[in-house]
PDB file of N, CA and C in Angstrom:
ATOM      1  N   MET A   1      48.997-154.910-172.822  1.00  0.00           N
ATOM      2  CA  MET A   1      50.203-154.807-173.642  1.00  0.00           C
ATOM      3  C   MET A   1      50.819-156.185-173.780  1.00  0.00           C
ATOM      4  N   THR A   2      51.213-156.516-174.973  1.00  0.00           N
ATOM      5  CA  THR A   2      51.917-157.772-175.197  1.00  0.00           C
ATOM      6  C   THR A   2      52.991-157.565-176.254  1.00  0.00           C
ATOM      7  N   ALA A   3      53.961-158.426-176.241  1.00  0.00           N
ATOM      8  CA  ALA A   3      55.002-158.494-177.259  1.00  0.00           C
ATOM      9  C   ALA A   3      55.452-159.943-177.279  1.00  0.00           C
ATOM     10  N   ASP A   4      55.801-160.452-178.440  1.00  0.00           N
ATOM     11  CA  ASP A   4      56.209-161.850-178.474  1.00  0.00           C
ATOM     12  C   ASP A   4      57.665-162.041-178.053  1.00  0.00           C
ATOM     13  N   THR A   5      58.429-160.939-178.032  1.00  0.00           N
ATOM     14  CA  THR A   5      59.824-160.986-177.594  1.00  0.00           C
ATOM     15  C   THR A   5      60.074-159.845-176.622  1.00  0.00           C
ATOM     16  N   VAL A   6      60.736-160.163-175.512  1.00  0.00           N
ATOM     17  CA  VAL A   6      61.155-159.148-174.548  1.00  0.00           C
ATOM     18  C   VAL A   6      62.663-159.301-174.347  1.00  0.00           C
ATOM     19  N   PHE A   7      63.283-158.261-173.784  1.00  0.00           N
ATOM     20  CA  PHE A   7      64.734-158.217-173.690  1.00  0.00           C
ATOM     21  C   PHE A   7      65.178-157.919-172.267  1.00  0.00           C
ATOM     22  N   HIS A   8      66.289-158.551-171.892  1.00  0.00           N
ATOM     23  CA  HIS A   8      66.894-158.307-170.585  1.00  0.00           C
ATOM     24  C   HIS A   8      68.392-158.153-170.793  1.00  0.00           C
ATOM     25  N   ILE A   9      68.980-157.193-170.104  1.00  0.00           N
ATOM     26  CA  ILE A   9      70.420-156.970-170.175  1.00  0.00           C
ATOM     27  C   ILE A   9      71.031-157.410-168.854  1.00  0.00           C
ATOM     28  N   CYS A  10      72.055-158.248-168.939  1.00  0.00           N
ATOM     29  CA  CYS A  10      72.699-158.729-167.720  1.00  0.00           C
ATOM     30  C   CYS A  10      74.191-158.933-167.957  1.00  0.00           C
ATOM     31  N   ASP A  11      74.907-159.205-166.885  1.00  0.00           N
ATOM     32  CA  ASP A  11      76.329-159.502-166.978  1.00  0.00           C
ATOM     33  C   ASP A  11      76.529-160.827-167.707  1.00  0.00           C
ATOM     34  N   ARG A  12      77.520-160.860-168.568  1.00  0.00           N
ATOM     35  CA  ARG A  12      77.851-162.091-169.294  1.00  0.00           C
ATOM     36  C   ARG A  12      78.136-163.223-168.303  1.00  0.00           C
ATOM     37  N   SER A  13      78.833-162.935-167.209  1.00  0.00           N
ATOM     38  CA  SER A  13      79.159-163.969-166.231  1.00  0.00           C
ATOM     39  C   SER A  13      77.895-164.558-165.594  1.00  0.00           C
ATOM     40  N   ALA A  14      76.908-163.729-165.313  1.00  0.00           N
ATOM     41  CA  ALA A  14      75.642-164.218-164.742  1.00  0.00           C
ATOM     42  C   ALA A  14      74.907-165.093-165.744  1.00  0.00           C
ATOM     43  N   TRP A  15      74.946-164.711-167.015  1.00  0.00           N
ATOM     44  CA  TRP A  15      74.287-165.510-168.046  1.00  0.00           C
ATOM     45  C   TRP A  15      74.993-166.855-168.203  1.00  0.00           C
ATOM     46  N   ASN A  16      76.322-166.859-168.172  1.00  0.00           N
ATOM     47  CA  ASN A  16      77.059-168.125-168.280  1.00  0.00           C
ATOM     48  C   ASN A  16      76.714-169.054-167.129  1.00  0.00           C
ATOM     49  N   LEU A  17      76.601-168.517-165.934  1.00  0.00           N
ATOM     50  CA  LEU A  17      76.205-169.308-164.770  1.00  0.00           C
ATOM     51  C   LEU A  17      74.785-169.850-164.939  1.00  0.00           C
ATOM     52  N   ALA A  18      73.893-169.015-165.441  1.00  0.00           N
ATOM     53  CA  ALA A  18      72.506-169.434-165.652  1.00  0.00           C
ATOM     54  C   ALA A  18      72.425-170.587-166.652  1.00  0.00           C
ATOM     55  N   LYS A  19      73.227-170.547-167.691  1.00  0.00           N
ATOM     56  CA  LYS A  19      73.208-171.633-168.682  1.00  0.00           C
ATOM     57  C   LYS A  19      73.599-172.959-168.043  1.00  0.00           C
ATOM     58  N   THR A  20      74.449-172.903-167.044  1.00  0.00           N
ATOM     59  CA  THR A  20      74.867-174.118-166.334  1.00  0.00           C
ATOM     60  C   THR A  20      73.749-174.637-165.439  1.00  0.00           C
ATOM     61  N   SER A  21      73.050-173.728-164.765  1.00  0.00           N
ATOM     62  CA  SER A  21      72.017-174.140-163.801  1.00  0.00           C
ATOM     63  C   SER A  21      70.635-174.340-164.435  1.00  0.00           C
ATOM     64  N   GLY A  22      70.422-173.736-165.624  1.00  0.00           N
ATOM     65  CA  GLY A  22      69.119-173.862-166.281  1.00  0.00           C
ATOM     66  C   GLY A  22      68.160-172.719-166.023  1.00  0.00           C
ATOM     67  N   CYS A  23      68.536-171.795-165.126  1.00  0.00           N
ATOM     68  CA  CYS A  23      67.680-170.635-164.909  1.00  0.00           C
ATOM     69  C   CYS A  23      68.506-169.439-164.455  1.00  0.00           C
ATOM     70  N   TYR A  24      68.005-168.272-164.809  1.00  0.00           N
ATOM     71  CA  TYR A  24      68.636-166.998-164.438  1.00  0.00           C
ATOM     72  C   TYR A  24      67.824-166.414-163.298  1.00  0.00           C
ATOM     73  N   GLU A  25      68.514-166.071-162.208  1.00  0.00           N
ATOM     74  CA  GLU A  25      67.863-165.588-160.991  1.00  0.00           C
ATOM     75  C   GLU A  25      67.633-164.081-160.990  1.00  0.00           C
ATOM     76  N   GLY A  26      68.265-163.357-161.915  1.00  0.00           N
ATOM     77  CA  GLY A  26      68.153-161.911-161.949  1.00  0.00           C
ATOM     78  C   GLY A  26      69.361-161.240-161.322  1.00  0.00           C
ATOM     79  N   SER A  27      69.468-159.948-161.543  1.00  0.00           N
ATOM     80  CA  SER A  27      70.558-159.145-160.974  1.00  0.00           C
ATOM     81  C   SER A  27      70.238-158.811-159.517  1.00  0.00           C
ATOM     82  N   ASP A  28      71.181-158.154-158.852  1.00  0.00           N
ATOM     83  CA  ASP A  28      70.922-157.690-157.479  1.00  0.00           C
ATOM     84  C   ASP A  28      69.705-156.775-157.454  1.00  0.00           C
ATOM     85  N   LEU A  29      69.601-155.871-158.433  1.00  0.00           N
ATOM     86  CA  LEU A  29      68.450-154.965-158.518  1.00  0.00           C
ATOM     87  C   LEU A  29      67.152-155.751-158.704  1.00  0.00           C
ATOM     88  N   ASP A  30      67.179-156.739-159.594  1.00  0.00           N
ATOM     89  CA  ASP A  30      65.986-157.558-159.823  1.00  0.00           C
ATOM     90  C   ASP A  30      65.541-158.246-158.543  1.00  0.00           C
ATOM     91  N   ARG A  31      66.485-158.868-157.856  1.00  0.00           N
ATOM     92  CA  ARG A  31      66.134-159.580-156.625  1.00  0.00           C
ATOM     93  C   ARG A  31      65.611-158.613-155.567  1.00  0.00           C
ATOM     94  N   ARG A  32      66.194-157.423-155.504  1.00  0.00           N
ATOM     95  CA  ARG A  32      65.732-156.415-154.536  1.00  0.00           C
ATOM     96  C   ARG A  32      64.306-155.957-154.861  1.00  0.00           C
ATOM     97  N   ASP A  33      64.013-155.788-156.155  1.00  0.00           N
ATOM     98  CA  ASP A  33      62.682-155.330-156.565  1.00  0.00           C
ATOM     99  C   ASP A  33      61.640-156.445-156.574  1.00  0.00           C
ATOM    100  N   GLY A  34      62.072-157.694-156.551  1.00  0.00           N
ATOM    101  CA  GLY A  34      61.140-158.818-156.510  1.00  0.00           C
ATOM    102  C   GLY A  34      60.692-159.309-157.872  1.00  0.00           C
ATOM    103  N   PHE A  35      61.329-158.831-158.938  1.00  0.00           N
ATOM    104  CA  PHE A  35      61.018-159.292-160.294  1.00  0.00           C
ATOM    105  C   PHE A  35      62.203-158.996-161.201  1.00  0.00           C
ATOM    106  N   ILE A  36      62.265-159.697-162.326  1.00  0.00           N
ATOM    107  CA  ILE A  36      63.317-159.458-163.305  1.00  0.00           C
ATOM    108  C   ILE A  36      62.821-158.402-164.285  1.00  0.00           C
ATOM    109  N   HIS A  37      63.603-157.355-164.436  1.00  0.00           N
ATOM    110  CA  HIS A  37      63.269-156.238-165.323  1.00  0.00           C
ATOM    111  C   HIS A  37      63.505-156.625-166.779  1.00  0.00           C
ATOM    112  N   PHE A  38      62.522-156.385-167.618  1.00  0.00           N
ATOM    113  CA  PHE A  38      62.639-156.588-169.052  1.00  0.00           C
ATOM    114  C   PHE A  38      62.271-155.292-169.756  1.00  0.00           C
ATOM    115  N   SER A  39      62.587-155.247-171.038  1.00  0.00           N
ATOM    116  CA  SER A  39      62.215-154.123-171.894  1.00  0.00           C
ATOM    117  C   SER A  39      61.693-154.660-173.205  1.00  0.00           C
ATOM    118  N   THR A  40      60.918-153.850-173.874  1.00  0.00           N
ATOM    119  CA  THR A  40      60.553-154.158-175.253  1.00  0.00           C
ATOM    120  C   THR A  40      61.719-153.730-176.141  1.00  0.00           C
ATOM    121  N   ARG A  41      61.646-154.070-177.398  1.00  0.00           N
ATOM    122  CA  ARG A  41      62.673-153.651-178.354  1.00  0.00           C
ATOM    123  C   ARG A  41      62.811-152.120-178.337  1.00  0.00           C
ATOM    124  N   GLU A  42      61.692-151.433-178.277  1.00  0.00           N
ATOM    125  CA  GLU A  42      61.692-149.966-178.303  1.00  0.00           C
ATOM    126  C   GLU A  42      62.276-149.366-177.026  1.00  0.00           C
ATOM    127  N   GLN A  43      62.225-150.071-175.919  1.00  0.00           N
ATOM    128  CA  GLN A  43      62.677-149.555-174.629  1.00  0.00           C
ATOM    129  C   GLN A  43      64.119-149.923-174.284  1.00  0.00           C
ATOM    130  N   ALA A  44      64.665-150.947-174.913  1.00  0.00           N
ATOM    131  CA  ALA A  44      65.950-151.520-174.500  1.00  0.00           C
ATOM    132  C   ALA A  44      67.122-150.548-174.616  1.00  0.00           C
ATOM    133  N   VAL A  45      67.203-149.799-175.698  1.00  0.00           N
ATOM    134  CA  VAL A  45      68.328-148.880-175.894  1.00  0.00           C
ATOM    135  C   VAL A  45      68.316-147.801-174.810  1.00  0.00           C
ATOM    136  N   GLU A  46      67.143-147.232-174.530  1.00  0.00           N
ATOM    137  CA  GLU A  46      67.045-146.203-173.495  1.00  0.00           C
ATOM    138  C   GLU A  46      67.353-146.791-172.121  1.00  0.00           C
ATOM    139  N   THR A  47      66.903-148.000-171.867  1.00  0.00           N
ATOM    140  CA  THR A  47      67.186-148.656-170.593  1.00  0.00           C
ATOM    141  C   THR A  47      68.689-148.797-170.394  1.00  0.00           C
ATOM    142  N   ALA A  48      69.379-149.252-171.419  1.00  0.00           N
ATOM    143  CA  ALA A  48      70.837-149.401-171.331  1.00  0.00           C
ATOM    144  C   ALA A  48      71.506-148.057-171.079  1.00  0.00           C
ATOM    145  N   ALA A  49      71.074-147.023-171.787  1.00  0.00           N
ATOM    146  CA  ALA A  49      71.678-145.692-171.640  1.00  0.00           C
ATOM    147  C   ALA A  49      71.433-145.113-170.246  1.00  0.00           C
ATOM    148  N   LEU A  50      70.240-145.306-169.711  1.00  0.00           N
ATOM    149  CA  LEU A  50      69.896-144.726-168.409  1.00  0.00           C
ATOM    150  C   LEU A  50      70.513-145.461-167.228  1.00  0.00           C
ATOM    151  N   HIS A  51      70.575-146.788-167.324  1.00  0.00           N
ATOM    152  CA  HIS A  51      70.942-147.581-166.156  1.00  0.00           C
ATOM    153  C   HIS A  51      72.278-148.300-166.248  1.00  0.00           C
ATOM    154  N   LEU A  52      72.830-148.435-167.464  1.00  0.00           N
ATOM    155  CA  LEU A  52      74.031-149.257-167.613  1.00  0.00           C
ATOM    156  C   LEU A  52      75.114-148.582-168.442  1.00  0.00           C
ATOM    157  N   SER A  53      75.034-147.302-168.614  1.00  0.00           N
ATOM    158  CA  SER A  53      75.951-146.557-169.481  1.00  0.00           C
ATOM    159  C   SER A  53      77.413-146.867-169.168  1.00  0.00           C
ATOM    160  N   GLY A  54      78.168-147.228-170.203  1.00  0.00           N
ATOM    161  CA  GLY A  54      79.589-147.489-170.078  1.00  0.00           C
ATOM    162  C   GLY A  54      79.967-148.807-169.452  1.00  0.00           C
ATOM    163  N   ARG A  55      79.016-149.558-168.998  1.00  0.00           N
ATOM    164  CA  ARG A  55      79.307-150.824-168.305  1.00  0.00           C
ATOM    165  C   ARG A  55      79.680-151.914-169.305  1.00  0.00           C
ATOM    166  N   GLN A  56      80.823-152.509-169.102  1.00  0.00           N
ATOM    167  CA  GLN A  56      81.356-153.557-169.978  1.00  0.00           C
ATOM    168  C   GLN A  56      80.852-154.940-169.556  1.00  0.00           C
ATOM    169  N   GLY A  57      81.015-155.913-170.450  1.00  0.00           N
ATOM    170  CA  GLY A  57      80.735-157.312-170.123  1.00  0.00           C
ATOM    171  C   GLY A  57      79.271-157.660-170.043  1.00  0.00           C
ATOM    172  N   LEU A  58      78.430-156.938-170.794  1.00  0.00           N
ATOM    173  CA  LEU A  58      76.990-157.198-170.754  1.00  0.00           C
ATOM    174  C   LEU A  58      76.541-158.015-171.953  1.00  0.00           C
ATOM    175  N   VAL A  59      75.398-158.647-171.780  1.00  0.00           N
ATOM    176  CA  VAL A  59      74.769-159.419-172.840  1.00  0.00           C
ATOM    177  C   VAL A  59      73.291-159.037-172.899  1.00  0.00           C
ATOM    178  N   LEU A  60      72.759-158.986-174.103  1.00  0.00           N
ATOM    179  CA  LEU A  60      71.343-158.704-174.335  1.00  0.00           C
ATOM    180  C   LEU A  60      70.645-160.029-174.587  1.00  0.00           C
ATOM    181  N   LEU A  61      69.720-160.393-173.708  1.00  0.00           N
ATOM    182  CA  LEU A  61      68.959-161.633-173.862  1.00  0.00           C
ATOM    183  C   LEU A  61      67.675-161.346-174.617  1.00  0.00           C
ATOM    184  N   GLU A  62      67.418-162.134-175.623  1.00  0.00           N
ATOM    185  CA  GLU A  62      66.208-162.048-176.437  1.00  0.00           C
ATOM    186  C   GLU A  62      65.318-163.215-176.007  1.00  0.00           C
ATOM    187  N   VAL A  63      64.187-162.916-175.387  1.00  0.00           N
ATOM    188  CA  VAL A  63      63.394-163.926-174.682  1.00  0.00           C
ATOM    189  C   VAL A  63      62.003-164.085-175.302  1.00  0.00           C
ATOM    190  N   ASP A  64      61.562-165.331-175.401  1.00  0.00           N
ATOM    191  CA  ASP A  64      60.217-165.662-175.875  1.00  0.00           C
ATOM    192  C   ASP A  64      59.216-165.301-174.773  1.00  0.00           C
ATOM    193  N   ALA A  65      58.534-164.191-174.951  1.00  0.00           N
ATOM    194  CA  ALA A  65      57.607-163.701-173.921  1.00  0.00           C
ATOM    195  C   ALA A  65      56.458-164.675-173.679  1.00  0.00           C
ATOM    196  N   ASP A  66      55.952-165.286-174.733  1.00  0.00           N
ATOM    197  CA  ASP A  66      54.825-166.209-174.580  1.00  0.00           C
ATOM    198  C   ASP A  66      55.180-167.400-173.704  1.00  0.00           C
ATOM    199  N   ALA A  67      56.431-167.840-173.763  1.00  0.00           N
ATOM    200  CA  ALA A  67      56.863-168.999-172.980  1.00  0.00           C
ATOM    201  C   ALA A  67      56.913-168.697-171.481  1.00  0.00           C
ATOM    202  N   LEU A  68      56.901-167.421-171.122  1.00  0.00           N
ATOM    203  CA  LEU A  68      56.955-167.043-169.703  1.00  0.00           C
ATOM    204  C   LEU A  68      55.584-167.095-169.039  1.00  0.00           C
ATOM    205  N   GLY A  69      54.537-167.152-169.851  1.00  0.00           N
ATOM    206  CA  GLY A  69      53.185-167.287-169.329  1.00  0.00           C
ATOM    207  C   GLY A  69      52.777-166.154-168.412  1.00  0.00           C
ATOM    208  N   GLY A  70      51.974-166.496-167.412  1.00  0.00           N
ATOM    209  CA  GLY A  70      51.408-165.510-166.500  1.00  0.00           C
ATOM    210  C   GLY A  70      52.397-164.887-165.547  1.00  0.00           C
ATOM    211  N   ALA A  71      53.620-165.414-165.491  1.00  0.00           N
ATOM    212  CA  ALA A  71      54.639-164.829-164.612  1.00  0.00           C
ATOM    213  C   ALA A  71      55.152-163.496-165.155  1.00  0.00           C
ATOM    214  N   LEU A  72      54.898-163.227-166.458  1.00  0.00           N
ATOM    215  CA  LEU A  72      55.310-161.964-167.062  1.00  0.00           C
ATOM    216  C   LEU A  72      54.153-160.972-166.949  1.00  0.00           C
ATOM    217  N   LYS A  73      54.392-159.901-166.232  1.00  0.00           N
ATOM    218  CA  LYS A  73      53.370-158.871-166.013  1.00  0.00           C
ATOM    219  C   LYS A  73      53.810-157.571-166.670  1.00  0.00           C
ATOM    220  N   TRP A  74      52.848-156.850-167.238  1.00  0.00           N
ATOM    221  CA  TRP A  74      53.120-155.536-167.834  1.00  0.00           C
ATOM    222  C   TRP A  74      52.701-154.479-166.832  1.00  0.00           C
ATOM    223  N   GLU A  75      53.688-153.681-166.371  1.00  0.00           N
ATOM    224  CA  GLU A  75      53.428-152.720-165.310  1.00  0.00           C
ATOM    225  C   GLU A  75      53.978-151.345-165.674  1.00  0.00           C
ATOM    226  N   GLU A  76      53.290-150.337-165.190  1.00  0.00           N
ATOM    227  CA  GLU A  76      53.692-148.958-165.451  1.00  0.00           C
ATOM    228  C   GLU A  76      55.025-148.655-164.776  1.00  0.00           C
ATOM    229  N   SER A  77      55.878-147.990-165.525  1.00  0.00           N
ATOM    230  CA  SER A  77      57.190-147.628-165.004  1.00  0.00           C
ATOM    231  C   SER A  77      57.598-146.283-165.576  1.00  0.00           C
ATOM    232  N   ARG A  78      58.786-146.177-166.104  1.00  0.00           N
ATOM    233  CA  ARG A  78      59.366-144.925-166.589  1.00  0.00           C
ATOM    234  C   ARG A  78      58.428-144.163-167.514  1.00  0.00           C
ATOM    235  N   ASN A  79      58.134-142.927-167.166  1.00  0.00           N
ATOM    236  CA  ASN A  79      57.275-142.034-167.957  1.00  0.00           C
ATOM    237  C   ASN A  79      55.894-142.627-168.238  1.00  0.00           C
ATOM    238  N   GLY A  80      55.417-143.466-167.350  1.00  0.00           N
ATOM    239  CA  GLY A  80      54.094-144.051-167.498  1.00  0.00           C
ATOM    240  C   GLY A  80      54.011-145.182-168.503  1.00  0.00           C
ATOM    241  N   ALA A  81      55.139-145.555-169.105  1.00  0.00           N
ATOM    242  CA  ALA A  81      55.143-146.644-170.097  1.00  0.00           C
ATOM    243  C   ALA A  81      55.002-147.990-169.394  1.00  0.00           C
ATOM    244  N   LEU A  82      54.413-148.942-170.095  1.00  0.00           N
ATOM    245  CA  LEU A  82      54.293-150.294-169.574  1.00  0.00           C
ATOM    246  C   LEU A  82      55.574-151.071-169.888  1.00  0.00           C
ATOM    247  N   PHE A  83      56.128-151.684-168.843  1.00  0.00           N
ATOM    248  CA  PHE A  83      57.337-152.489-168.987  1.00  0.00           C
ATOM    249  C   PHE A  83      57.025-153.918-168.553  1.00  0.00           C
ATOM    250  N   PRO A  84      57.649-154.907-169.194  1.00  0.00           N
ATOM    251  CA  PRO A  84      57.462-156.301-168.787  1.00  0.00           C
ATOM    252  C   PRO A  84      58.339-156.633-167.580  1.00  0.00           C
ATOM    253  N   HIS A  85      57.730-157.260-166.588  1.00  0.00           N
ATOM    254  CA  HIS A  85      58.424-157.688-165.375  1.00  0.00           C
ATOM    255  C   HIS A  85      58.126-159.170-165.168  1.00  0.00           C
ATOM    256  N   LEU A  86      59.168-159.950-164.918  1.00  0.00           N
ATOM    257  CA  LEU A  86      59.003-161.388-164.700  1.00  0.00           C
ATOM    258  C   LEU A  86      59.056-161.679-163.212  1.00  0.00           C
ATOM    259  N   TYR A  87      57.971-162.214-162.696  1.00  0.00           N
ATOM    260  CA  TYR A  87      57.897-162.609-161.295  1.00  0.00           C
ATOM    261  C   TYR A  87      58.269-164.080-161.198  1.00  0.00           C
ATOM    262  N   GLY A  88      59.533-164.328-160.957  1.00  0.00           N
ATOM    263  CA  GLY A  88      60.081-165.679-160.895  1.00  0.00           C
ATOM    264  C   GLY A  88      61.417-165.697-161.611  1.00  0.00           C
ATOM    265  N   THR A  89      61.975-166.884-161.746  1.00  0.00           N
ATOM    266  CA  THR A  89      63.256-167.015-162.436  1.00  0.00           C
ATOM    267  C   THR A  89      63.023-167.167-163.933  1.00  0.00           C
ATOM    268  N   LEU A  90      64.062-166.904-164.691  1.00  0.00           N
ATOM    269  CA  LEU A  90      64.006-166.996-166.141  1.00  0.00           C
ATOM    270  C   LEU A  90      64.598-168.336-166.581  1.00  0.00           C
ATOM    271  N   PRO A  91      63.762-169.247-167.089  1.00  0.00           N
ATOM    272  CA  PRO A  91      64.304-170.504-167.609  1.00  0.00           C
ATOM    273  C   PRO A  91      65.161-170.227-168.849  1.00  0.00           C
ATOM    274  N   THR A  92      66.360-170.776-168.878  1.00  0.00           N
ATOM    275  CA  THR A  92      67.260-170.489-169.994  1.00  0.00           C
ATOM    276  C   THR A  92      66.695-170.971-171.327  1.00  0.00           C
ATOM    277  N   GLY A  93      65.815-171.953-171.310  1.00  0.00           N
ATOM    278  CA  GLY A  93      65.210-172.459-172.541  1.00  0.00           C
ATOM    279  C   GLY A  93      64.288-171.467-173.219  1.00  0.00           C
ATOM    280  N   THR A  94      63.902-170.395-172.527  1.00  0.00           N
ATOM    281  CA  THR A  94      63.036-169.381-173.131  1.00  0.00           C
ATOM    282  C   THR A  94      63.837-168.297-173.849  1.00  0.00           C
ATOM    283  N   VAL A  95      65.158-168.358-173.730  1.00  0.00           N
ATOM    284  CA  VAL A  95      66.033-167.359-174.343  1.00  0.00           C
ATOM    285  C   VAL A  95      66.342-167.777-175.773  1.00  0.00           C
ATOM    286  N   ARG A  96      65.889-166.965-176.708  1.00  0.00           N
ATOM    287  CA  ARG A  96      66.093-167.256-178.130  1.00  0.00           C
ATOM    288  C   ARG A  96      67.505-166.967-178.586  1.00  0.00           C
ATOM    289  N   ALA A  97      68.118-165.923-178.015  1.00  0.00           N
ATOM    290  CA  ALA A  97      69.473-165.521-178.398  1.00  0.00           C
ATOM    291  C   ALA A  97      70.077-164.671-177.290  1.00  0.00           C
ATOM    292  N   ALA A  98      71.399-164.699-177.228  1.00  0.00           N
ATOM    293  CA  ALA A  98      72.156-163.851-176.308  1.00  0.00           C
ATOM    294  C   ALA A  98      73.193-163.113-177.147  1.00  0.00           C
ATOM    295  N   HIS A  99      73.100-161.801-177.141  1.00  0.00           N
ATOM    296  CA  HIS A  99      73.974-160.955-177.954  1.00  0.00           C
ATOM    297  C   HIS A  99      74.934-160.184-177.053  1.00  0.00           C
ATOM    298  N   ASP A 100      76.227-160.218-177.385  1.00  0.00           N
ATOM    299  CA  ASP A 100      77.168-159.367-176.663  1.00  0.00           C
ATOM    300  C   ASP A 100      76.761-157.919-176.864  1.00  0.00           C
ATOM    301  N   LEU A 101      76.978-157.113-175.851  1.00  0.00           N
ATOM    302  CA  LEU A 101      76.577-155.707-175.881  1.00  0.00           C
ATOM    303  C   LEU A 101      77.806-154.835-175.563  1.00  0.00           C
ATOM    304  N   PRO A 102      78.694-154.691-176.548  1.00  0.00           N
ATOM    305  CA  PRO A 102      79.908-153.906-176.296  1.00  0.00           C
ATOM    306  C   PRO A 102      79.592-152.430-176.134  1.00  0.00           C
ATOM    307  N   VAL A 103      80.555-151.733-175.545  1.00  0.00           N
ATOM    308  CA  VAL A 103      80.434-150.293-175.355  1.00  0.00           C
ATOM    309  C   VAL A 103      81.204-149.605-176.476  1.00  0.00           C
ATOM    310  N   GLY A 104      80.534-148.687-177.148  1.00  0.00           N
ATOM    311  CA  GLY A 104      81.169-147.934-178.225  1.00  0.00           C
ATOM    312  C   GLY A 104      82.020-146.801-177.679  1.00  0.00           C
ATOM    313  N   PRO A 105      82.733-146.102-178.560  1.00  0.00           N
ATOM    314  CA  PRO A 105      83.606-145.005-178.143  1.00  0.00           C
ATOM    315  C   PRO A 105      82.866-143.858-177.448  1.00  0.00           C
ATOM    316  N   ASP A 106      81.558-143.751-177.698  1.00  0.00           N
ATOM    317  CA  ASP A 106      80.770-142.689-177.068  1.00  0.00           C
ATOM    318  C   ASP A 106      80.223-143.099-175.692  1.00  0.00           C
ATOM    319  N   GLY A 107      80.568-144.333-175.245  1.00  0.00           N
ATOM    320  CA  GLY A 107      80.106-144.809-173.939  1.00  0.00           C
ATOM    321  C   GLY A 107      78.748-145.483-173.975  1.00  0.00           C
ATOM    322  N   ARG A 108      78.103-145.466-175.144  1.00  0.00           N
ATOM    323  CA  ARG A 108      76.784-146.113-175.293  1.00  0.00           C
ATOM    324  C   ARG A 108      76.991-147.533-175.802  1.00  0.00           C
ATOM    325  N   HIS A 109      76.068-148.403-175.452  1.00  0.00           N
ATOM    326  CA  HIS A 109      76.164-149.787-175.902  1.00  0.00           C
ATOM    327  C   HIS A 109      75.827-149.907-177.382  1.00  0.00           C
ATOM    328  N   VAL A 110      76.535-150.822-178.016  1.00  0.00           N
ATOM    329  CA  VAL A 110      76.326-151.092-179.432  1.00  0.00           C
ATOM    330  C   VAL A 110      75.402-152.307-179.540  1.00  0.00           C
ATOM    331  N   PHE A 111      74.187-152.068-179.988  1.00  0.00           N
ATOM    332  CA  PHE A 111      73.202-153.136-180.102  1.00  0.00           C
ATOM    333  C   PHE A 111      73.408-153.908-181.397  1.00  0.00           C
ATOM    334  N   PRO A 112      72.895-155.137-181.458  1.00  0.00           N
ATOM    335  CA  PRO A 112      73.073-155.947-182.660  1.00  0.00           C
ATOM    336  C   PRO A 112      72.527-155.220-183.907  1.00  0.00           C
ATOM    337  N   GLU A 113      73.117-155.544-185.039  1.00  0.00           N
ATOM    338  CA  GLU A 113      72.667-154.976-186.293  1.00  0.00           C
ATOM    339  C   GLU A 113      71.187-155.289-186.494  1.00  0.00           C
ATOM    340  N   ASN A 114      70.442-154.354-187.017  1.00  0.00           N
ATOM    341  CA  ASN A 114      68.997-154.486-187.280  1.00  0.00           C
ATOM    342  C   ASN A 114      68.173-154.564-186.001  1.00  0.00           C
ATOM    343  N   PHE A 115      68.716-154.094-184.878  1.00  0.00           N
ATOM    344  CA  PHE A 115      67.945-154.139-183.637  1.00  0.00           C
ATOM    345  C   PHE A 115      66.897-153.059-183.637  1.00  0.00           C
TER     346      PHE A 115
END
């Protein structure tokens, strides 16, 4: 499985810190699991709904998967689907865009237009 773009959702404050240091270390969950959790475009909305519902102050990172090289592994996860996992830190230079991810009135995150 491959995709040229993968997505990660994190706290805006963590992303701001990463921009200062040059790399994102991952969330507490990522560090506990030993890799940074990513999703494909098709998986990102469900990931947000299942794991981050109603949580404010998030950002959606759009990442160049090819730039991550062999550190990005595709592994079976939810419902047997393959998910991208990054074994290592995320260099901020591989992030193509960071989109605010506000919470709508229904408690679900509002993804960027045309997502």
